[in-house]
């Protein structure tokens, strides 16, 4: 998840972990310590007055929630539930990771 307001992002991460607990899943949350900074400068006038500038800064905060041992139907239901309750200013990106057994020739 990513967003511009850290308070909204933290409350949504707490909501996501609570939703995972209702589905009886193991959850793990963490966030990046430093936000991503974007700074840019714009001129107030297009042609003249180049000394008159405005500087803007945009900070993007990231938070991660990991759910373990999901089944296919539970995953679809949980992701749809989280997307429907997504607050304004927060973006959600999901990815599935599947654990598979090692092949026989790799085992010792």
PDB file of N, CA and C in Angstrom:
ATOM      1  N   UNK A   1       0.843  -1.165   0.000  1.00  0.00           N
ATOM      2  CA  UNK A   1       0.000   0.000   0.000  1.00  0.00           C
ATOM      3  C   UNK A   1       0.886   1.225   0.000  1.00  0.00           C
ATOM      4  N   UNK A   2       0.398   2.267  -0.639  1.00  0.00           N
ATOM      5  CA  UNK A   2       1.127   3.520  -0.596  1.00  0.00           C
ATOM      6  C   UNK A   2       0.134   4.660  -0.525  1.00  0.00           C
ATOM      7  N   UNK A   3       0.569   5.746   0.108  1.00  0.00           N
ATOM      8  CA  UNK A   3      -0.295   6.901   0.262  1.00  0.00           C
ATOM      9  C   UNK A   3       0.501   8.115   0.679  1.00  0.00           C
ATOM     10  N   UNK A   4      -0.150   9.279   0.638  1.00  0.00           N
ATOM     11  CA  UNK A   4       0.516  10.539   0.971  1.00  0.00           C
ATOM     12  C   UNK A   4       0.314  10.942   2.424  1.00  0.00           C
ATOM     13  N   UNK A   5      -0.677  10.399   3.091  1.00  0.00           N
ATOM     14  CA  UNK A   5      -0.959  10.732   4.486  1.00  0.00           C
ATOM     15  C   UNK A   5      -0.625   9.526   5.365  1.00  0.00           C
ATOM     16  N   UNK A   6       0.382   9.635   6.238  1.00  0.00           N
ATOM     17  CA  UNK A   6       0.784   8.462   7.018  1.00  0.00           C
ATOM     18  C   UNK A   6      -0.279   8.006   8.020  1.00  0.00           C
ATOM     19  N   UNK A   7      -1.102   8.908   8.541  1.00  0.00           N
ATOM     20  CA  UNK A   7      -2.134   8.516   9.500  1.00  0.00           C
ATOM     21  C   UNK A   7      -3.201   7.649   8.833  1.00  0.00           C
ATOM     22  N   UNK A   8      -3.623   8.029   7.627  1.00  0.00           N
ATOM     23  CA  UNK A   8      -4.623   7.250   6.895  1.00  0.00           C
ATOM     24  C   UNK A   8      -4.043   5.888   6.511  1.00  0.00           C
ATOM     25  N   UNK A   9      -2.786   5.884   6.105  1.00  0.00           N
ATOM     26  CA  UNK A   9      -2.136   4.636   5.706  1.00  0.00           C
ATOM     27  C   UNK A   9      -2.004   3.680   6.892  1.00  0.00           C
ATOM     28  N   UNK A  10      -1.650   4.200   8.067  1.00  0.00           N
ATOM     29  CA  UNK A  10      -1.531   3.352   9.254  1.00  0.00           C
ATOM     30  C   UNK A  10      -2.886   2.789   9.680  1.00  0.00           C
ATOM     31  N   UNK A  11      -3.924   3.612   9.602  1.00  0.00           N
ATOM     32  CA  UNK A  11      -5.248   3.120   9.998  1.00  0.00           C
ATOM     33  C   UNK A  11      -5.749   2.060   9.018  1.00  0.00           C
ATOM     34  N   UNK A  12      -5.442   2.212   7.728  1.00  0.00           N
ATOM     35  CA  UNK A  12      -5.868   1.207   6.763  1.00  0.00           C
ATOM     36  C   UNK A  12      -5.066  -0.085   6.926  1.00  0.00           C
ATOM     37  N   UNK A  13      -3.789   0.021   7.286  1.00  0.00           N
ATOM     38  CA  UNK A  13      -2.994  -1.180   7.551  1.00  0.00           C
ATOM     39  C   UNK A  13      -3.548  -1.932   8.766  1.00  0.00           C
ATOM     40  N   UNK A  14      -3.995  -1.190   9.768  1.00  0.00           N
ATOM     41  CA  UNK A  14      -4.612  -1.818  10.938  1.00  0.00           C
ATOM     42  C   UNK A  14      -5.935  -2.475  10.550  1.00  0.00           C
ATOM     43  N   UNK A  15      -6.701  -1.820   9.682  1.00  0.00           N
ATOM     44  CA  UNK A  15      -7.950  -2.398   9.183  1.00  0.00           C
ATOM     45  C   UNK A  15      -7.687  -3.696   8.425  1.00  0.00           C
ATOM     46  N   UNK A  16      -6.632  -3.713   7.611  1.00  0.00           N
ATOM     47  CA  UNK A  16      -6.309  -4.906   6.826  1.00  0.00           C
ATOM     48  C   UNK A  16      -5.883  -6.063   7.728  1.00  0.00           C
ATOM     49  N   UNK A  17      -5.106  -5.787   8.760  1.00  0.00           N
ATOM     50  CA  UNK A  17      -4.702  -6.860   9.673  1.00  0.00           C
ATOM     51  C   UNK A  17      -5.893  -7.376  10.479  1.00  0.00           C
ATOM     52  N   UNK A  18      -6.817  -6.490  10.852  1.00  0.00           N
ATOM     53  CA  UNK A  18      -8.024  -6.916  11.559  1.00  0.00           C
ATOM     54  C   UNK A  18      -8.888  -7.794  10.666  1.00  0.00           C
ATOM     55  N   UNK A  19      -8.987  -7.424   9.395  1.00  0.00           N
ATOM     56  CA  UNK A  19      -9.746  -8.243   8.440  1.00  0.00           C
ATOM     57  C   UNK A  19      -9.094  -9.616   8.285  1.00  0.00           C
ATOM     58  N   UNK A  20      -7.778  -9.664   8.249  1.00  0.00           N
ATOM     59  CA  UNK A  20      -7.079 -10.942   8.166  1.00  0.00           C
ATOM     60  C   UNK A  20      -7.299 -11.802   9.398  1.00  0.00           C
ATOM     61  N   UNK A  21      -7.378 -11.176  10.575  1.00  0.00           N
ATOM     62  CA  UNK A  21      -7.631 -11.936  11.800  1.00  0.00           C
ATOM     63  C   UNK A  21      -9.040 -12.503  11.818  1.00  0.00           C
ATOM     64  N   UNK A  22      -9.996 -11.799  11.208  1.00  0.00           N
ATOM     65  CA  UNK A  22     -11.357 -12.325  11.125  1.00  0.00           C
ATOM     66  C   UNK A  22     -11.423 -13.553  10.209  1.00  0.00           C
ATOM     67  N   UNK A  23     -10.520 -13.602   9.229  1.00  0.00           N
ATOM     68  CA  UNK A  23     -10.421 -14.784   8.367  1.00  0.00           C
ATOM     69  C   UNK A  23      -9.511 -15.847   8.976  1.00  0.00           C
ATOM     70  N   UNK A  24      -8.994 -15.595  10.190  1.00  0.00           N
ATOM     71  CA  UNK A  24      -8.100 -16.494  10.926  1.00  0.00           C
ATOM     72  C   UNK A  24      -6.822 -16.777  10.143  1.00  0.00           C
ATOM     73  N   UNK A  25      -6.173 -15.692   9.710  1.00  0.00           N
ATOM     74  CA  UNK A  25      -4.928 -15.792   8.957  1.00  0.00           C
ATOM     75  C   UNK A  25      -3.779 -15.205   9.764  1.00  0.00           C
ATOM     76  N   UNK A  26      -2.581 -15.703   9.487  1.00  0.00           N
ATOM     77  CA  UNK A  26      -1.380 -15.091  10.059  1.00  0.00           C
ATOM     78  C   UNK A  26      -1.070 -13.837   9.266  1.00  0.00           C
ATOM     79  N   UNK A  27      -0.861 -12.737   9.949  1.00  0.00           N
ATOM     80  CA  UNK A  27      -0.556 -11.480   9.260  1.00  0.00           C
ATOM     81  C   UNK A  27       0.765 -10.923   9.768  1.00  0.00           C
ATOM     82  N   UNK A  28       1.438 -10.239   8.883  1.00  0.00           N
ATOM     83  CA  UNK A  28       2.696  -9.577   9.215  1.00  0.00           C
ATOM     84  C   UNK A  28       2.664  -8.208   8.547  1.00  0.00           C
ATOM     85  N   UNK A  29       2.951  -7.157   9.297  1.00  0.00           N
ATOM     86  CA  UNK A  29       2.942  -5.800   8.735  1.00  0.00           C
ATOM     87  C   UNK A  29       4.291  -5.133   8.988  1.00  0.00           C
ATOM     88  N   UNK A  30       4.687  -4.311   8.054  1.00  0.00           N
ATOM     89  CA  UNK A  30       5.873  -3.476   8.220  1.00  0.00           C
ATOM     90  C   UNK A  30       5.746  -2.299   7.275  1.00  0.00           C
ATOM     91  N   UNK A  31       6.534  -1.263   7.549  1.00  0.00           N
ATOM     92  CA  UNK A  31       6.523  -0.081   6.685  1.00  0.00           C
ATOM     93  C   UNK A  31       7.940   0.434   6.506  1.00  0.00           C
ATOM     94  N   UNK A  32       8.131   1.162   5.438  1.00  0.00           N
ATOM     95  CA  UNK A  32       9.448   1.737   5.177  1.00  0.00           C
ATOM     96  C   UNK A  32       9.690   2.899   6.122  1.00  0.00           C
ATOM     97  N   UNK A  33      10.904   3.037   6.585  1.00  0.00           N
ATOM     98  CA  UNK A  33      11.212   4.090   7.552  1.00  0.00           C
ATOM     99  C   UNK A  33      11.164   5.473   6.928  1.00  0.00           C
ATOM    100  N   UNK A  34      11.753   5.602   5.752  1.00  0.00           N
ATOM    101  CA  UNK A  34      11.815   6.918   5.111  1.00  0.00           C
ATOM    102  C   UNK A  34      10.852   6.965   3.935  1.00  0.00           C
ATOM    103  N   UNK A  35      10.083   8.040   3.824  1.00  0.00           N
ATOM    104  CA  UNK A  35       9.191   8.156   2.657  1.00  0.00           C
ATOM    105  C   UNK A  35       9.979   8.532   1.410  1.00  0.00           C
ATOM    106  N   UNK A  36       9.370   8.308   0.277  1.00  0.00           N
ATOM    107  CA  UNK A  36       9.984   8.694  -0.997  1.00  0.00           C
ATOM    108  C   UNK A  36       9.685  10.171  -1.229  1.00  0.00           C
ATOM    109  N   UNK A  37      10.747  10.967  -1.437  1.00  0.00           N
ATOM    110  CA  UNK A  37      10.600  12.413  -1.630  1.00  0.00           C
ATOM    111  C   UNK A  37      10.687  12.754  -3.115  1.00  0.00           C
ATOM    112  N   UNK A  38       9.776  13.601  -3.550  1.00  0.00           N
ATOM    113  CA  UNK A  38       9.849  14.169  -4.897  1.00  0.00           C
ATOM    114  C   UNK A  38       9.755  15.676  -4.754  1.00  0.00           C
ATOM    115  N   UNK A  39      10.766  16.367  -5.238  1.00  0.00           N
ATOM    116  CA  UNK A  39      10.778  17.827  -5.173  1.00  0.00           C
ATOM    117  C   UNK A  39      10.854  18.386  -6.581  1.00  0.00           C
ATOM    118  N   UNK A  40      10.065  19.409  -6.816  1.00  0.00           N
ATOM    119  CA  UNK A  40      10.119  20.058  -8.125  1.00  0.00           C
ATOM    120  C   UNK A  40       9.836  21.538  -7.967  1.00  0.00           C
ATOM    121  N   UNK A  41      10.383  22.312  -8.915  1.00  0.00           N
ATOM    122  CA  UNK A  41      10.274  23.769  -8.902  1.00  0.00           C
ATOM    123  C   UNK A  41       9.513  24.228 -10.133  1.00  0.00           C
ATOM    124  N   UNK A  42       8.620  25.171  -9.925  1.00  0.00           N
ATOM    125  CA  UNK A  42       7.851  25.722 -11.039  1.00  0.00           C
ATOM    126  C   UNK A  42       7.993  27.239 -11.032  1.00  0.00           C
ATOM    127  N   UNK A  43       8.056  27.815 -12.233  1.00  0.00           N
ATOM    128  CA  UNK A  43       8.064  29.261 -12.367  1.00  0.00           C
ATOM    129  C   UNK A  43       6.660  29.797 -12.192  1.00  0.00           C
ATOM    130  N   UNK A  44       6.529  30.969 -11.528  1.00  0.00           N
ATOM    131  CA  UNK A  44       5.215  31.573 -11.371  1.00  0.00           C
ATOM    132  C   UNK A  44       4.739  32.194 -12.673  1.00  0.00           C
ATOM    133  N   UNK A  45       5.683  32.665 -13.465  1.00  0.00           N
ATOM    134  CA  UNK A  45       5.346  33.239 -14.761  1.00  0.00           C
ATOM    135  C   UNK A  45       6.102  32.470 -15.834  1.00  0.00           C
ATOM    136  N   UNK A  46       5.507  32.347 -16.999  1.00  0.00           N
ATOM    137  CA  UNK A  46       6.096  31.525 -18.054  1.00  0.00           C
ATOM    138  C   UNK A  46       7.264  32.237 -18.721  1.00  0.00           C
ATOM    139  N   UNK A  47       7.114  33.506 -19.047  1.00  0.00           N
ATOM    140  CA  UNK A  47       8.107  34.180 -19.875  1.00  0.00           C
ATOM    141  C   UNK A  47       9.077  35.051 -19.097  1.00  0.00           C
ATOM    142  N   UNK A  48       8.586  35.815 -18.144  1.00  0.00           N
ATOM    143  CA  UNK A  48       9.464  36.734 -17.413  1.00  0.00           C
ATOM    144  C   UNK A  48       9.392  36.424 -15.927  1.00  0.00           C
ATOM    145  N   UNK A  49      10.150  37.145 -15.157  1.00  0.00           N
ATOM    146  CA  UNK A  49      10.233  36.974 -13.710  1.00  0.00           C
ATOM    147  C   UNK A  49      10.724  35.575 -13.343  1.00  0.00           C
ATOM    148  N   UNK A  50      11.887  35.223 -13.856  1.00  0.00           N
ATOM    149  CA  UNK A  50      12.433  33.894 -13.577  1.00  0.00           C
ATOM    150  C   UNK A  50      12.892  33.739 -12.130  1.00  0.00           C
ATOM    151  N   UNK A  51      13.000  34.870 -11.426  1.00  0.00           N
ATOM    152  CA  UNK A  51      13.383  34.777 -10.027  1.00  0.00           C
ATOM    153  C   UNK A  51      12.213  34.323  -9.149  1.00  0.00           C
ATOM    154  N   UNK A  52      11.001  34.435  -9.647  1.00  0.00           N
ATOM    155  CA  UNK A  52       9.819  34.078  -8.868  1.00  0.00           C
ATOM    156  C   UNK A  52       9.483  32.608  -9.122  1.00  0.00           C
ATOM    157  N   UNK A  53       9.845  31.784  -8.164  1.00  0.00           N
ATOM    158  CA  UNK A  53       9.644  30.348  -8.311  1.00  0.00           C
ATOM    159  C   UNK A  53       8.862  29.810  -7.114  1.00  0.00           C
ATOM    160  N   UNK A  54       8.173  28.715  -7.335  1.00  0.00           N
ATOM    161  CA  UNK A  54       7.491  27.996  -6.258  1.00  0.00           C
ATOM    162  C   UNK A  54       8.048  26.587  -6.204  1.00  0.00           C
ATOM    163  N   UNK A  55       8.400  26.144  -4.999  1.00  0.00           N
ATOM    164  CA  UNK A  55       8.937  24.799  -4.839  1.00  0.00           C
ATOM    165  C   UNK A  55       7.904  23.932  -4.125  1.00  0.00           C
ATOM    166  N   UNK A  56       7.744  22.697  -4.617  1.00  0.00           N
ATOM    167  CA  UNK A  56       6.777  21.762  -4.069  1.00  0.00           C
ATOM    168  C   UNK A  56       7.479  20.469  -3.705  1.00  0.00           C
ATOM    169  N   UNK A  57       6.938  19.796  -2.709  1.00  0.00           N
ATOM    170  CA  UNK A  57       7.496  18.521  -2.271  1.00  0.00           C
ATOM    171  C   UNK A  57       6.352  17.536  -2.082  1.00  0.00           C
ATOM    172  N   UNK A  58       6.539  16.335  -2.578  1.00  0.00           N
ATOM    173  CA  UNK A  58       5.538  15.281  -2.460  1.00  0.00           C
ATOM    174  C   UNK A  58       6.186  14.093  -1.760  1.00  0.00           C
ATOM    175  N   UNK A  59       5.592  13.657  -0.658  1.00  0.00           N
ATOM    176  CA  UNK A  59       6.111  12.517   0.097  1.00  0.00           C
ATOM    177  C   UNK A  59       5.152  11.342  -0.059  1.00  0.00           C
ATOM    178  N   UNK A  60       5.695  10.186  -0.371  1.00  0.00           N
ATOM    179  CA  UNK A  60       4.902   8.977  -0.529  1.00  0.00           C
ATOM    180  C   UNK A  60       5.358   7.967   0.512  1.00  0.00           C
ATOM    181  N   UNK A  61       4.418   7.509   1.338  1.00  0.00           N
ATOM    182  CA  UNK A  61       4.698   6.546   2.397  1.00  0.00           C
ATOM    183  C   UNK A  61       4.259   5.157   1.945  1.00  0.00           C
ATOM    184  N   UNK A  62       4.991   4.129   2.372  1.00  0.00           N
ATOM    185  CA  UNK A  62       4.704   2.757   1.983  1.00  0.00           C
ATOM    186  C   UNK A  62       4.474   1.903   3.220  1.00  0.00           C
ATOM    187  N   UNK A  63       3.507   1.009   3.125  1.00  0.00           N
ATOM    188  CA  UNK A  63       3.201   0.067   4.187  1.00  0.00           C
ATOM    189  C   UNK A  63       2.905  -1.285   3.546  1.00  0.00           C
ATOM    190  N   UNK A  64       3.331  -2.362   4.198  1.00  0.00           N
ATOM    191  CA  UNK A  64       3.178  -3.699   3.642  1.00  0.00           C
ATOM    192  C   UNK A  64       2.422  -4.579   4.631  1.00  0.00           C
ATOM    193  N   UNK A  65       1.514  -5.400   4.106  1.00  0.00           N
ATOM    194  CA  UNK A  65       0.783  -6.385   4.900  1.00  0.00           C
ATOM    195  C   UNK A  65       0.926  -7.719   4.189  1.00  0.00           C
ATOM    196  N   UNK A  66       1.349  -8.725   4.934  1.00  0.00           N
ATOM    197  CA  UNK A  66       1.535 -10.060   4.361  1.00  0.00           C
ATOM    198  C   UNK A  66       0.595 -11.035   5.061  1.00  0.00           C
ATOM    199  N   UNK A  67      -0.192 -11.754   4.256  1.00  0.00           N
ATOM    200  CA  UNK A  67      -1.087 -12.787   4.763  1.00  0.00           C
ATOM    201  C   UNK A  67      -0.498 -14.143   4.380  1.00  0.00           C
ATOM    202  N   UNK A  68      -0.418 -15.052   5.350  1.00  0.00           N
ATOM    203  CA  UNK A  68       0.173 -16.362   5.093  1.00  0.00           C
ATOM    204  C   UNK A  68      -0.909 -17.439   5.063  1.00  0.00           C
ATOM    205  N   UNK A  69      -0.652 -18.464   4.270  1.00  0.00           N
ATOM    206  CA  UNK A  69      -1.477 -19.672   4.191  1.00  0.00           C
ATOM    207  C   UNK A  69      -2.899 -19.374   3.732  1.00  0.00           C
ATOM    208  N   UNK A  70      -3.006 -18.692   2.609  1.00  0.00           N
ATOM    209  CA  UNK A  70      -4.309 -18.373   2.023  1.00  0.00           C
ATOM    210  C   UNK A  70      -4.728 -19.455   1.035  1.00  0.00           C
ATOM    211  N   UNK A  71      -6.006 -19.717   0.956  1.00  0.00           N
ATOM    212  CA  UNK A  71      -6.532 -20.564  -0.112  1.00  0.00           C
ATOM    213  C   UNK A  71      -7.014 -19.648  -1.236  1.00  0.00           C
ATOM    214  N   UNK A  72      -7.365 -20.229  -2.373  1.00  0.00           N
ATOM    215  CA  UNK A  72      -7.760 -19.429  -3.525  1.00  0.00           C
ATOM    216  C   UNK A  72      -9.010 -18.613  -3.290  1.00  0.00           C
ATOM    217  N   UNK A  73     -10.060 -19.232  -2.754  1.00  0.00           N
ATOM    218  CA  UNK A  73     -11.323 -18.512  -2.540  1.00  0.00           C
ATOM    219  C   UNK A  73     -11.188 -17.474  -1.425  1.00  0.00           C
ATOM    220  N   UNK A  74     -10.442 -17.801  -0.368  1.00  0.00           N
ATOM    221  CA  UNK A  74     -10.230 -16.854   0.719  1.00  0.00           C
ATOM    222  C   UNK A  74      -9.441 -15.648   0.234  1.00  0.00           C
ATOM    223  N   UNK A  75      -8.482 -15.887  -0.620  1.00  0.00           N
ATOM    224  CA  UNK A  75      -7.661 -14.795  -1.159  1.00  0.00           C
ATOM    225  C   UNK A  75      -8.512 -13.852  -1.992  1.00  0.00           C
ATOM    226  N   UNK A  76      -9.330 -14.401  -2.867  1.00  0.00           N
ATOM    227  CA  UNK A  76     -10.185 -13.557  -3.708  1.00  0.00           C
ATOM    228  C   UNK A  76     -11.163 -12.745  -2.874  1.00  0.00           C
ATOM    229  N   UNK A  77     -11.754 -13.369  -1.869  1.00  0.00           N
ATOM    230  CA  UNK A  77     -12.709 -12.674  -1.009  1.00  0.00           C
ATOM    231  C   UNK A  77     -12.041 -11.570  -0.212  1.00  0.00           C
ATOM    232  N   UNK A  78     -10.865 -11.847   0.351  1.00  0.00           N
ATOM    233  CA  UNK A  78     -10.157 -10.871   1.166  1.00  0.00           C
ATOM    234  C   UNK A  78      -9.685  -9.692   0.329  1.00  0.00           C
ATOM    235  N   UNK A  79      -9.140  -9.952  -0.840  1.00  0.00           N
ATOM    236  CA  UNK A  79      -8.656  -8.868  -1.699  1.00  0.00           C
ATOM    237  C   UNK A  79      -9.815  -7.984  -2.166  1.00  0.00           C
ATOM    238  N   UNK A  80     -10.924  -8.591  -2.515  1.00  0.00           N
ATOM    239  CA  UNK A  80     -12.083  -7.802  -2.936  1.00  0.00           C
ATOM    240  C   UNK A  80     -12.613  -6.953  -1.782  1.00  0.00           C
ATOM    241  N   UNK A  81     -12.640  -7.512  -0.577  1.00  0.00           N
ATOM    242  CA  UNK A  81     -13.085  -6.778   0.606  1.00  0.00           C
ATOM    243  C   UNK A  81     -12.169  -5.587   0.889  1.00  0.00           C
ATOM    244  N   UNK A  82     -10.854  -5.797   0.782  1.00  0.00           N
ATOM    245  CA  UNK A  82      -9.908  -4.709   1.033  1.00  0.00           C
ATOM    246  C   UNK A  82      -9.996  -3.632  -0.035  1.00  0.00           C
ATOM    247  N   UNK A  83     -10.223  -4.017  -1.289  1.00  0.00           N
ATOM    248  CA  UNK A  83     -10.324  -3.029  -2.362  1.00  0.00           C
ATOM    249  C   UNK A  83     -11.601  -2.206  -2.263  1.00  0.00           C
ATOM    250  N   UNK A  84     -12.676  -2.821  -1.815  1.00  0.00           N
ATOM    251  CA  UNK A  84     -13.936  -2.081  -1.689  1.00  0.00           C
ATOM    252  C   UNK A  84     -13.892  -1.067  -0.549  1.00  0.00           C
ATOM    253  N   UNK A  85     -13.081  -1.319   0.466  1.00  0.00           N
ATOM    254  CA  UNK A  85     -12.978  -0.414   1.614  1.00  0.00           C
ATOM    255  C   UNK A  85     -11.725   0.452   1.569  1.00  0.00           C
ATOM    256  N   UNK A  86     -11.163   0.626   0.401  1.00  0.00           N
ATOM    257  CA  UNK A  86      -9.940   1.410   0.244  1.00  0.00           C
ATOM    258  C   UNK A  86     -10.243   2.894   0.454  1.00  0.00           C
ATOM    259  N   UNK A  87      -9.553   3.567   1.376  1.00  0.00           N
ATOM    260  CA  UNK A  87      -9.823   4.992   1.592  1.00  0.00           C
ATOM    261  C   UNK A  87      -9.227   5.852   0.477  1.00  0.00           C
ATOM    262  N   UNK A  88      -9.669   7.086   0.432  1.00  0.00           N
ATOM    263  CA  UNK A  88      -9.183   8.004  -0.593  1.00  0.00           C
ATOM    264  C   UNK A  88      -7.735   8.385  -0.284  1.00  0.00           C
ATOM    265  N   UNK A  89      -6.903   8.367  -1.297  1.00  0.00           N
ATOM    266  CA  UNK A  89      -5.502   8.720  -1.131  1.00  0.00           C
ATOM    267  C   UNK A  89      -4.594   7.536  -0.848  1.00  0.00           C
ATOM    268  N   UNK A  90      -5.121   6.330  -0.866  1.00  0.00           N
ATOM    269  CA  UNK A  90      -4.322   5.119  -0.632  1.00  0.00           C
ATOM    270  C   UNK A  90      -4.437   4.225  -1.852  1.00  0.00           C
ATOM    271  N   UNK A  91      -3.306   3.727  -2.317  1.00  0.00           N
ATOM    272  CA  UNK A  91      -3.273   2.806  -3.453  1.00  0.00           C
ATOM    273  C   UNK A  91      -2.894   1.425  -2.938  1.00  0.00           C
ATOM    274  N   UNK A  92      -3.513   0.401  -3.509  1.00  0.00           N
ATOM    275  CA  UNK A  92      -3.289  -0.972  -3.080  1.00  0.00           C
ATOM    276  C   UNK A  92      -2.792  -1.787  -4.258  1.00  0.00           C
ATOM    277  N   UNK A  93      -1.699  -2.506  -4.043  1.00  0.00           N
ATOM    278  CA  UNK A  93      -1.163  -3.404  -5.061  1.00  0.00           C
ATOM    279  C   UNK A  93      -0.998  -4.771  -4.409  1.00  0.00           C
ATOM    280  N   UNK A  94      -1.554  -5.795  -5.045  1.00  0.00           N
ATOM    281  CA  UNK A  94      -1.478  -7.142  -4.483  1.00  0.00           C
ATOM    282  C   UNK A  94      -0.612  -8.031  -5.364  1.00  0.00           C
ATOM    283  N   UNK A  95       0.033  -8.993  -4.741  1.00  0.00           N
ATOM    284  CA  UNK A  95       0.804  -9.991  -5.478  1.00  0.00           C
ATOM    285  C   UNK A  95       0.692 -11.314  -4.735  1.00  0.00           C
ATOM    286  N   UNK A  96       0.612 -12.385  -5.510  1.00  0.00           N
ATOM    287  CA  UNK A  96       0.496 -13.721  -4.938  1.00  0.00           C
ATOM    288  C   UNK A  96       1.826 -14.445  -5.087  1.00  0.00           C
ATOM    289  N   UNK A  97       2.236 -15.101  -4.021  1.00  0.00           N
ATOM    290  CA  UNK A  97       3.455 -15.899  -4.024  1.00  0.00           C
ATOM    291  C   UNK A  97       3.065 -17.310  -3.606  1.00  0.00           C
ATOM    292  N   UNK A  98       3.431 -18.273  -4.421  1.00  0.00           N
ATOM    293  CA  UNK A  98       3.064 -19.659  -4.155  1.00  0.00           C
ATOM    294  C   UNK A  98       4.304 -20.438  -3.748  1.00  0.00           C
ATOM    295  N   UNK A  99       4.199 -21.149  -2.644  1.00  0.00           N
ATOM    296  CA  UNK A  99       5.295 -22.002  -2.196  1.00  0.00           C
ATOM    297  C   UNK A  99       5.131 -23.378  -2.816  1.00  0.00           C
ATOM    298  N   UNK A 100       6.217 -23.895  -3.388  1.00  0.00           N
ATOM    299  CA  UNK A 100       6.188 -25.203  -4.010  1.00  0.00           C
ATOM    300  C   UNK A 100       7.270 -26.075  -3.401  1.00  0.00           C
ATOM    301  N   UNK A 101       7.081 -27.373  -3.509  1.00  0.00           N
ATOM    302  CA  UNK A 101       8.036 -28.324  -2.983  1.00  0.00           C
ATOM    303  C   UNK A 101       9.277 -28.350  -3.875  1.00  0.00           C
ATOM    304  N   UNK A 102      10.444 -28.513  -3.254  1.00  0.00           N
ATOM    305  CA  UNK A 102      11.684 -28.616  -4.011  1.00  0.00           C
ATOM    306  C   UNK A 102      11.688 -29.901  -4.849  1.00  0.00           C
ATOM    307  N   UNK A 103      12.273 -29.858  -6.025  1.00  0.00           N
ATOM    308  CA  UNK A 103      12.394 -31.082  -6.817  1.00  0.00           C
ATOM    309  C   UNK A 103      13.302 -32.087  -6.106  1.00  0.00           C
ATOM    310  N   UNK A 104      13.149 -33.352  -6.467  1.00  0.00           N
ATOM    311  CA  UNK A 104      13.909 -34.420  -5.816  1.00  0.00           C
ATOM    312  C   UNK A 104      15.418 -34.301  -6.039  1.00  0.00           C
ATOM    313  N   UNK A 105      15.827 -33.813  -7.205  1.00  0.00           N
ATOM    314  CA  UNK A 105      17.258 -33.750  -7.487  1.00  0.00           C
ATOM    315  C   UNK A 105      17.948 -32.618  -6.735  1.00  0.00           C
ATOM    316  N   UNK A 106      17.203 -31.683  -6.156  1.00  0.00           N
ATOM    317  CA  UNK A 106      17.807 -30.605  -5.350  1.00  0.00           C
ATOM    318  C   UNK A 106      17.902 -30.953  -3.880  1.00  0.00           C
ATOM    319  N   UNK A 107      17.105 -31.903  -3.425  1.00  0.00           N
ATOM    320  CA  UNK A 107      17.151 -32.291  -2.027  1.00  0.00           C
ATOM    321  C   UNK A 107      18.372 -33.156  -1.754  1.00  0.00           C
ATOM    322  N   UNK A 108      18.920 -33.017  -0.566  1.00  0.00           N
ATOM    323  CA  UNK A 108      20.127 -33.815  -0.235  1.00  0.00           C
ATOM    324  C   UNK A 108      19.771 -35.157   0.330  1.00  0.00           C
TER     325      UNK A 108
END
